[in-house]
Every structure is written in C-alpha cells, then in structure tokens.
Amino acid sequence: MQDKREPVQTRRALLKTGGFLMGALVVPEMVSAKVKRIVQQPSPMATPEAPRPVRPGVAARPITSPRVVRPDLMRCAMAALDRHSGRGLMRDRMAIVDFNAASGEPRMHLVNLGDGRSKSFLVAHGKGSDPAHTGWLQRFSNINGSEASCEGAFLTSDYYVGKHGRSQRLIGLDPTNNNALDRAIVVHGAWYANPQMARSRGMLGRSQGCFAVGERELADLFDRMGPGRMIYAAKV
C-alpha cells in the first residue's frame, strides 16, 4: 500500500530546498548592495598638509668679507686686483685698508680670498693726511715730502731691516701712489700704533705716510701677508 504522506514530504523538501536556494541568492545581493553603499559613501575629507616653506635658492657666496669690509670698498679692491693681474699678484689673500674709518679702529683687513675669513689690524695714517691730528684721514698725497698717506693698489715687495726694524717695501701700482717706492712708503711697526694707544687716546699716532701697525702685531701681519700680494688703500 502506497504511503500518501510521501508526496507531502516531497513537496516540503522541495519548498525547503527552494527556500534555501532563494536565500543563497538574496544574501549575496544584500551583501553586495551593502558593500556598494559603503563604497559609494564619500570618505571624510583629509586635513590638507600644510605647505612646506619654500627654501630660497642659495647663491654662490661671493669672495668677500662682509663682516668687516664694506661692500663698496670690497668691490673696488677686487676690481684693482683684476686690473693689476698682469703684475704677478697672488690671488689667495690681500690687505684692504679702510681709510674711511678712524685710526682708533682696526681698519687694515687681511682677507683670505678663498673662504672670506679675515683678520683686522690697527694701522696709522700719515701726518700730512691729518694735520690737526683728529684721528681721521683728511686727504691723500703722492708727493715727496708731503708725509701723507697715498691711496690705491700696492704690491708687497721684499723685507728689510731699517730704522723701524723689520719692514716691507711697497710698489705703488696706480698713478695715485706710483711714488711709494721713492717716498719709502712701507709697512713697519711703531709704538704709536699699538692697541694701548688707541685705548688711552682713542686714536693712533701718525706716520710719515707709511702703514704703521702695532709692534706686537707686525710679525703676525708679515707671516700672513708675505711678498707678491696686494694692499689696497682707499677712502670710499
């Protein structure tokens, strides 16, 4: 005898199977829709990164000593060095005398042209350049017997021992100082150019037109300067 419950069970099984299949189809669709909504949602706006400061371009450092030598004077000195390049001047260092400054200030600047470093020295000017002894250079002269300082480019020459001890001869390279050798305009040491004089009187004594520096500083200057280099003196 055939069991009448079999069709019922079969139909139930089919319905259960169909429901499972429908669920399997619906669930991925729901998950896909959910993922789609998440993807389509706008992401929160990120905080913009602060702009980095623009670093200015670093230009090649000019050959100068800006802490001690005024730019106008430095340009004049470099132009003189170029102008007299045919005289065999060495270009590693030179001395620049700023006669625009008072004698009580270190105004002879020995500049290393390779890295711009410098050392400054006190230096006196001539009596004829400051007749009233004010401590300030008033005028230049290239005339014999004027006892005045002269301006322009000088070539440092040989050392000798004279009445001021060890000294260095100078050759004037410009029309404003071409009598320097005849006038015996040299670099030498002097008691009136020592730092103590500047501290006690506020100025140095005066030379006869020579570049007189302190007695204790002379050896250091000569060691750094040497022959074959330029001294440029001016009031710019």
C-alpha atoms as a PDB file:
ATOM      1  CA  MET A   1       0.000   0.000   0.000  1.00  0.00           C
ATOM      2  CA  GLN A   2       1.451   3.337  -1.070  1.00  0.00           C
ATOM      3  CA  ASP A   3       2.072   5.850   1.661  1.00  0.00           C
ATOM      4  CA  LYS A   4       0.107   9.058   0.952  1.00  0.00           C
ATOM      5  CA  ARG A   5       2.469  11.100   3.131  1.00  0.00           C
ATOM      6  CA  GLU A   6       5.333  10.783   0.644  1.00  0.00           C
ATOM      7  CA  PRO A   7       4.101  13.491  -1.740  1.00  0.00           C
ATOM      8  CA  VAL A   8       3.612  15.807   1.158  1.00  0.00           C
ATOM      9  CA  GLN A   9       7.103  15.197   2.408  1.00  0.00           C
ATOM     10  CA  THR A  10       8.466  15.568  -1.082  1.00  0.00           C
ATOM     11  CA  ARG A  11       6.725  18.900  -1.550  1.00  0.00           C
ATOM     12  CA  ARG A  12       8.023  20.078   1.807  1.00  0.00           C
ATOM     13  CA  ALA A  13      11.533  19.062   0.858  1.00  0.00           C
ATOM     14  CA  LEU A  14      11.266  20.905  -2.413  1.00  0.00           C
ATOM     15  CA  LEU A  15       9.931  24.006  -0.723  1.00  0.00           C
ATOM     16  CA  LYS A  16      12.739  23.837   1.828  1.00  0.00           C
ATOM     17  CA  THR A  17      15.334  23.391  -0.859  1.00  0.00           C
ATOM     18  CA  GLY A  18      13.874  26.198  -2.938  1.00  0.00           C
ATOM     19  CA  GLY A  19      13.830  28.482   0.070  1.00  0.00           C
ATOM     20  CA  PHE A  20      17.463  27.707   0.765  1.00  0.00           C
ATOM     21  CA  LEU A  21      18.361  28.492  -2.811  1.00  0.00           C
ATOM     22  CA  MET A  22      16.400  31.741  -2.751  1.00  0.00           C
ATOM     23  CA  GLY A  23      18.179  32.712   0.446  1.00  0.00           C
ATOM     24  CA  ALA A  24      21.507  31.954  -1.107  1.00  0.00           C
ATOM     25  CA  LEU A  25      20.641  34.265  -3.970  1.00  0.00           C
ATOM     26  CA  VAL A  26      19.215  37.032  -1.824  1.00  0.00           C
ATOM     27  CA  VAL A  27      22.026  37.173   0.760  1.00  0.00           C
ATOM     28  CA  PRO A  28      24.867  37.873  -1.732  1.00  0.00           C
ATOM     29  CA  GLU A  29      22.718  40.534  -3.336  1.00  0.00           C
ATOM     30  CA  MET A  30      22.114  42.158   0.036  1.00  0.00           C
ATOM     31  CA  VAL A  31      25.802  41.940   0.910  1.00  0.00           C
ATOM     32  CA  SER A  32      26.711  43.362  -2.485  1.00  0.00           C
ATOM     33  CA  ALA A  33      24.274  46.222  -2.031  1.00  0.00           C
ATOM     34  CA  LYS A  34      25.677  46.926   1.419  1.00  0.00           C
ATOM     35  CA  VAL A  35      29.248  46.920   0.123  1.00  0.00           C
ATOM     36  CA  LYS A  36      28.149  49.152  -2.755  1.00  0.00           C
ATOM     37  CA  ARG A  37      26.652  51.651  -0.322  1.00  0.00           C
ATOM     38  CA  ILE A  38      29.848  51.666   1.729  1.00  0.00           C
ATOM     39  CA  VAL A  39      31.985  52.205  -1.338  1.00  0.00           C
ATOM     40  CA  GLN A  40      29.728  54.956  -2.653  1.00  0.00           C
ATOM     41  CA  GLN A  41      29.748  56.839   0.649  1.00  0.00           C
ATOM     42  CA  PRO A  42      32.091  59.861   0.411  1.00  0.00           C
ATOM     43  CA  SER A  43      35.201  59.402   2.507  1.00  0.00           C
ATOM     44  CA  PRO A  44      35.833  62.040   5.151  1.00  0.00           C
ATOM     45  CA  MET A  45      37.936  64.908   3.797  1.00  0.00           C
ATOM     46  CA  ALA A  46      41.560  64.563   4.820  1.00  0.00           C
ATOM     47  CA  THR A  47      43.173  67.521   6.508  1.00  0.00           C
ATOM     48  CA  PRO A  48      45.322  69.207   3.853  1.00  0.00           C
ATOM     49  CA  GLU A  49      49.034  69.097   4.576  1.00  0.00           C
ATOM     50  CA  ALA A  50      50.467  72.454   5.470  1.00  0.00           C
ATOM     51  CA  PRO A  51      52.541  73.798   2.607  1.00  0.00           C
ATOM     52  CA  ARG A  52      56.245  73.445   3.208  1.00  0.00           C
ATOM     53  CA  PRO A  53      58.157  76.664   3.269  1.00  0.00           C
ATOM     54  CA  VAL A  54      59.974  77.262   0.043  1.00  0.00           C
ATOM     55  CA  ARG A  55      63.678  77.399   0.695  1.00  0.00           C
ATOM     56  CA  PRO A  56      65.170  80.274  -1.228  1.00  0.00           C
ATOM     57  CA  GLY A  57      67.914  79.406  -3.639  1.00  0.00           C
ATOM     58  CA  VAL A  58      71.348  79.757  -2.115  1.00  0.00           C
ATOM     59  CA  ALA A  59      73.510  81.811  -4.405  1.00  0.00           C
ATOM     60  CA  ALA A  60      77.204  81.145  -4.677  1.00  0.00           C
ATOM     61  CA  ARG A  61      78.946  83.048  -1.932  1.00  0.00           C
ATOM     62  CA  PRO A  62      80.927  85.929  -3.352  1.00  0.00           C
ATOM     63  CA  ILE A  63      84.556  86.343  -2.442  1.00  0.00           C
ATOM     64  CA  THR A  64      84.145  88.899   0.287  1.00  0.00           C
ATOM     65  CA  SER A  65      84.411  89.513   3.969  1.00  0.00           C
ATOM     66  CA  PRO A  66      81.084  91.204   4.696  1.00  0.00           C
ATOM     67  CA  ARG A  67      81.533  91.351   8.478  1.00  0.00           C
ATOM     68  CA  VAL A  68      84.487  93.712   8.271  1.00  0.00           C
ATOM     69  CA  VAL A  69      84.943  95.087   4.746  1.00  0.00           C
ATOM     70  CA  ARG A  70      82.255  97.352   3.397  1.00  0.00           C
ATOM     71  CA  PRO A  71      80.804  96.075   0.099  1.00  0.00           C
ATOM     72  CA  ASP A  72      81.727  99.218  -1.887  1.00  0.00           C
ATOM     73  CA  LEU A  73      85.320  99.024  -0.716  1.00  0.00           C
ATOM     74  CA  MET A  74      85.486  95.289  -1.372  1.00  0.00           C
ATOM     75  CA  ARG A  75      84.295  95.798  -4.944  1.00  0.00           C
ATOM     76  CA  CYS A  76      86.932  98.472  -5.524  1.00  0.00           C
ATOM     77  CA  ALA A  77      89.647  96.213  -4.117  1.00  0.00           C
ATOM     78  CA  MET A  78      88.614  93.268  -6.279  1.00  0.00           C
ATOM     79  CA  ALA A  79      88.480  95.498  -9.351  1.00  0.00           C
ATOM     80  CA  ALA A  80      92.021  96.690  -8.583  1.00  0.00           C
ATOM     81  CA  LEU A  81      93.187  93.106  -8.188  1.00  0.00           C
ATOM     82  CA  ASP A  82      91.766  92.280 -11.617  1.00  0.00           C
ATOM     83  CA  ARG A  83      93.160  95.447 -13.140  1.00  0.00           C
ATOM     84  CA  HIS A  84      96.701  94.656 -11.992  1.00  0.00           C
ATOM     85  CA  SER A  85      96.568  90.908 -12.589  1.00  0.00           C
ATOM     86  CA  GLY A  86      99.438  91.198 -15.077  1.00  0.00           C
ATOM     87  CA  ARG A  87     101.799  92.350 -12.318  1.00  0.00           C
ATOM     88  CA  GLY A  88     102.143  88.852 -10.877  1.00  0.00           C
ATOM     89  CA  LEU A  89      99.889  89.429  -7.871  1.00  0.00           C
ATOM     90  CA  MET A  90      98.895  86.340  -5.943  1.00  0.00           C
ATOM     91  CA  ARG A  91      95.138  85.991  -5.549  1.00  0.00           C
ATOM     92  CA  ASP A  92      94.899  83.941  -2.379  1.00  0.00           C
ATOM     93  CA  ARG A  93      94.665  86.874   0.026  1.00  0.00           C
ATOM     94  CA  MET A  94      95.131  90.627   0.202  1.00  0.00           C
ATOM     95  CA  ALA A  95      95.031  93.503   2.681  1.00  0.00           C
ATOM     96  CA  ILE A  96      92.373  96.202   2.434  1.00  0.00           C
ATOM     97  CA  VAL A  97      92.855  99.445   4.339  1.00  0.00           C
ATOM     98  CA  ASP A  98      89.622 101.318   5.003  1.00  0.00           C
ATOM     99  CA  PHE A  99      90.743 104.922   5.466  1.00  0.00           C
ATOM    100  CA  ASN A 100      87.118 105.922   5.877  1.00  0.00           C
ATOM    101  CA  ALA A 101      87.380 104.615   9.447  1.00  0.00           C
ATOM    102  CA  ALA A 102      89.094 106.358  12.351  1.00  0.00           C
ATOM    103  CA  SER A 103      92.634 105.389  13.278  1.00  0.00           C
ATOM    104  CA  GLY A 104      91.455 104.003  16.612  1.00  0.00           C
ATOM    105  CA  GLU A 105      89.551 101.250  14.805  1.00  0.00           C
ATOM    106  CA  PRO A 106      91.117  98.106  13.294  1.00  0.00           C
ATOM    107  CA  ARG A 107      90.914  99.160   9.651  1.00  0.00           C
ATOM    108  CA  MET A 108      93.546  97.071   7.881  1.00  0.00           C
ATOM    109  CA  HIS A 109      91.728  93.877   6.951  1.00  0.00           C
ATOM    110  CA  LEU A 110      93.744  90.916   5.746  1.00  0.00           C
ATOM    111  CA  VAL A 111      91.214  88.892   3.739  1.00  0.00           C
ATOM    112  CA  ASN A 112      91.517  85.278   2.658  1.00  0.00           C
ATOM    113  CA  LEU A 113      90.021  85.314  -0.832  1.00  0.00           C
ATOM    114  CA  GLY A 114      89.328  81.598  -0.751  1.00  0.00           C
ATOM    115  CA  ASP A 115      86.884  81.483   2.153  1.00  0.00           C
ATOM    116  CA  GLY A 116      86.285  85.136   3.078  1.00  0.00           C
ATOM    117  CA  ARG A 117      87.839  84.894   6.539  1.00  0.00           C
ATOM    118  CA  SER A 118      89.773  87.895   7.695  1.00  0.00           C
ATOM    119  CA  LYS A 119      91.881  89.366  10.459  1.00  0.00           C
ATOM    120  CA  SER A 120      91.964  93.072  11.203  1.00  0.00           C
ATOM    121  CA  PHE A 121      94.820  95.249  12.427  1.00  0.00           C
ATOM    122  CA  LEU A 122      95.207  98.796  13.644  1.00  0.00           C
ATOM    123  CA  VAL A 123      97.121 100.956  11.154  1.00  0.00           C
ATOM    124  CA  ALA A 124      98.208 104.584  11.297  1.00  0.00           C
ATOM    125  CA  HIS A 125      97.945 107.185   8.537  1.00  0.00           C
ATOM    126  CA  GLY A 126     100.397 109.933   7.663  1.00  0.00           C
ATOM    127  CA  LYS A 127     100.821 113.310   9.362  1.00  0.00           C
ATOM    128  CA  GLY A 128     100.148 115.125   6.114  1.00  0.00           C
ATOM    129  CA  SER A 129      96.810 113.350   5.802  1.00  0.00           C
ATOM    130  CA  ASP A 130      95.638 114.571   9.223  1.00  0.00           C
ATOM    131  CA  PRO A 131      97.484 117.821  10.089  1.00  0.00           C
ATOM    132  CA  ALA A 132      95.264 118.596  13.090  1.00  0.00           C
ATOM    133  CA  HIS A 133      95.641 115.051  14.448  1.00  0.00           C
ATOM    134  CA  THR A 134      91.933 114.347  14.647  1.00  0.00           C
ATOM    135  CA  GLY A 135      92.294 110.599  14.158  1.00  0.00           C
ATOM    136  CA  TRP A 136      90.612 110.828  10.753  1.00  0.00           C
ATOM    137  CA  LEU A 137      92.337 110.843   7.377  1.00  0.00           C
ATOM    138  CA  GLN A 138      91.517 114.105   5.598  1.00  0.00           C
ATOM    139  CA  ARG A 139      93.428 113.835   2.339  1.00  0.00           C
ATOM    140  CA  PHE A 140      95.846 111.734   0.281  1.00  0.00           C
ATOM    141  CA  SER A 141      99.039 112.790  -1.431  1.00  0.00           C
ATOM    142  CA  ASN A 142     101.563 111.142  -3.732  1.00  0.00           C
ATOM    143  CA  ILE A 143     104.054 113.991  -3.468  1.00  0.00           C
ATOM    144  CA  ASN A 144     107.512 113.594  -1.968  1.00  0.00           C
ATOM    145  CA  GLY A 145     107.804 115.335   1.389  1.00  0.00           C
ATOM    146  CA  SER A 146     104.044 115.518   1.951  1.00  0.00           C
ATOM    147  CA  GLU A 147     104.190 112.957   4.804  1.00  0.00           C
ATOM    148  CA  ALA A 148     100.710 111.953   3.706  1.00  0.00           C
ATOM    149  CA  SER A 149      99.248 108.537   3.019  1.00  0.00           C
ATOM    150  CA  CYS A 150      98.574 107.687  -0.603  1.00  0.00           C
ATOM    151  CA  GLU A 151      95.706 105.671  -2.000  1.00  0.00           C
ATOM    152  CA  GLY A 152      95.479 102.853  -4.497  1.00  0.00           C
ATOM    153  CA  ALA A 153      96.855  99.365  -5.019  1.00  0.00           C
ATOM    154  CA  PHE A 154     100.285  98.398  -3.704  1.00  0.00           C
ATOM    155  CA  LEU A 155     102.363  95.319  -4.472  1.00  0.00           C
ATOM    156  CA  THR A 156     104.089  93.965  -1.375  1.00  0.00           C
ATOM    157  CA  SER A 157     107.805  93.515  -2.040  1.00  0.00           C
ATOM    158  CA  ASP A 158     110.840  92.381  -0.047  1.00  0.00           C
ATOM    159  CA  TYR A 159     111.562  92.650   3.660  1.00  0.00           C
ATOM    160  CA  TYR A 160     114.448  94.641   5.045  1.00  0.00           C
ATOM    161  CA  VAL A 161     115.628  95.959   8.396  1.00  0.00           C
ATOM    162  CA  GLY A 162     115.658  99.745   8.716  1.00  0.00           C
ATOM    163  CA  LYS A 163     115.226 102.452  11.317  1.00  0.00           C
ATOM    164  CA  HIS A 164     111.831 100.989  12.264  1.00  0.00           C
ATOM    165  CA  GLY A 165     113.165  97.445  12.463  1.00  0.00           C
ATOM    166  CA  ARG A 166     111.829  94.818  10.116  1.00  0.00           C
ATOM    167  CA  SER A 167     109.841  96.465   7.347  1.00  0.00           C
ATOM    168  CA  GLN A 168     108.362  95.642   3.950  1.00  0.00           C
ATOM    169  CA  ARG A 169     108.771  97.678   0.796  1.00  0.00           C
ATOM    170  CA  LEU A 170     105.745  98.553  -1.308  1.00  0.00           C
ATOM    171  CA  ILE A 171     105.437  99.260  -5.012  1.00  0.00           C
ATOM    172  CA  GLY A 172     102.636 101.626  -5.999  1.00  0.00           C
ATOM    173  CA  LEU A 173     100.630 100.332  -8.953  1.00  0.00           C
ATOM    174  CA  ASP A 174      98.381 103.340  -9.597  1.00  0.00           C
ATOM    175  CA  PRO A 175      99.010 106.966 -10.635  1.00  0.00           C
ATOM    176  CA  THR A 176      97.875 107.961  -7.137  1.00  0.00           C
ATOM    177  CA  ASN A 177     100.690 106.025  -5.416  1.00  0.00           C
ATOM    178  CA  ASN A 178     103.372 105.333  -8.021  1.00  0.00           C
ATOM    179  CA  ASN A 179     105.908 107.334  -5.965  1.00  0.00           C
ATOM    180  CA  ALA A 180     105.566 104.973  -2.998  1.00  0.00           C
ATOM    181  CA  LEU A 181     108.928 103.302  -3.562  1.00  0.00           C
ATOM    182  CA  ASP A 182     110.752 106.641  -3.944  1.00  0.00           C
ATOM    183  CA  ARG A 183     108.981 108.036  -0.890  1.00  0.00           C
ATOM    184  CA  ALA A 184     109.869 104.931   1.135  1.00  0.00           C
ATOM    185  CA  ILE A 185     106.198 104.224   1.889  1.00  0.00           C
ATOM    186  CA  VAL A 186     106.483 100.856   3.640  1.00  0.00           C
ATOM    187  CA  VAL A 187     104.831  98.635   6.220  1.00  0.00           C
ATOM    188  CA  HIS A 188     106.565  98.793   9.601  1.00  0.00           C
ATOM    189  CA  GLY A 189     105.867  98.522  13.310  1.00  0.00           C
ATOM    190  CA  ALA A 190     105.539 101.532  15.617  1.00  0.00           C
ATOM    191  CA  TRP A 191     104.847 102.157  19.283  1.00  0.00           C
ATOM    192  CA  TYR A 192     102.226 104.778  18.418  1.00  0.00           C
ATOM    193  CA  ALA A 193     100.190 102.139  16.553  1.00  0.00           C
ATOM    194  CA  ASN A 194      99.889  99.751  19.489  1.00  0.00           C
ATOM    195  CA  PRO A 195      96.404  98.905  20.828  1.00  0.00           C
ATOM    196  CA  GLN A 196      97.245 100.655  24.131  1.00  0.00           C
ATOM    197  CA  MET A 197      97.485 103.951  22.246  1.00  0.00           C
ATOM    198  CA  ALA A 198      94.023 103.503  20.779  1.00  0.00           C
ATOM    199  CA  ARG A 199      92.585 102.619  24.190  1.00  0.00           C
ATOM    200  CA  SER A 200      94.190 105.507  26.046  1.00  0.00           C
ATOM    201  CA  ARG A 201      93.781 108.283  23.456  1.00  0.00           C
ATOM    202  CA  GLY A 202      91.019 106.988  21.221  1.00  0.00           C
ATOM    203  CA  MET A 203      93.322 107.242  18.195  1.00  0.00           C
ATOM    204  CA  LEU A 204      96.758 106.246  16.990  1.00  0.00           C
ATOM    205  CA  GLY A 205      99.766 108.404  16.407  1.00  0.00           C
ATOM    206  CA  ARG A 206     100.705 109.423  12.851  1.00  0.00           C
ATOM    207  CA  SER A 207     103.353 108.127  10.485  1.00  0.00           C
ATOM    208  CA  GLN A 208     105.175 109.870   7.657  1.00  0.00           C
ATOM    209  CA  GLY A 209     102.851 108.234   5.174  1.00  0.00           C
ATOM    210  CA  CYS A 210     103.726 104.619   5.940  1.00  0.00           C
ATOM    211  CA  PHE A 211     101.361 101.833   7.003  1.00  0.00           C
ATOM    212  CA  ALA A 212     102.465 101.655  10.632  1.00  0.00           C
ATOM    213  CA  VAL A 213     100.995  98.812  12.688  1.00  0.00           C
ATOM    214  CA  GLY A 214     101.450  97.742  16.292  1.00  0.00           C
ATOM    215  CA  GLU A 215     104.874  96.385  17.189  1.00  0.00           C
ATOM    216  CA  ARG A 216     103.463  93.148  18.562  1.00  0.00           C
ATOM    217  CA  GLU A 217     101.160  92.634  15.601  1.00  0.00           C
ATOM    218  CA  LEU A 218     103.780  93.173  12.913  1.00  0.00           C
ATOM    219  CA  ALA A 219     105.138  89.624  12.876  1.00  0.00           C
ATOM    220  CA  ASP A 220     101.644  88.161  12.562  1.00  0.00           C
ATOM    221  CA  LEU A 221     100.831  90.512   9.684  1.00  0.00           C
ATOM    222  CA  PHE A 222     104.071  89.705   7.863  1.00  0.00           C
ATOM    223  CA  ASP A 223     103.553  85.961   8.324  1.00  0.00           C
ATOM    224  CA  ARG A 224     100.084  86.197   6.806  1.00  0.00           C
ATOM    225  CA  MET A 225     100.852  88.743   4.102  1.00  0.00           C
ATOM    226  CA  GLY A 226     104.207  87.915   2.553  1.00  0.00           C
ATOM    227  CA  PRO A 227     105.550  89.389  -0.687  1.00  0.00           C
ATOM    228  CA  GLY A 228     103.721  89.335  -4.013  1.00  0.00           C
ATOM    229  CA  ARG A 229     100.291  90.294  -2.676  1.00  0.00           C
ATOM    230  CA  MET A 230      98.179  93.416  -2.888  1.00  0.00           C
ATOM    231  CA  ILE A 231      97.428  96.071  -0.298  1.00  0.00           C
ATOM    232  CA  TYR A 232      94.532  98.250  -1.365  1.00  0.00           C
ATOM    233  CA  ALA A 233      94.052 101.551   0.490  1.00  0.00           C
ATOM    234  CA  ALA A 234      91.189 103.919  -0.135  1.00  0.00           C
ATOM    235  CA  LYS A 235      88.551 106.153   1.398  1.00  0.00           C
ATOM    236  CA  VAL A 236      85.336 105.099  -0.354  1.00  0.00           C
END
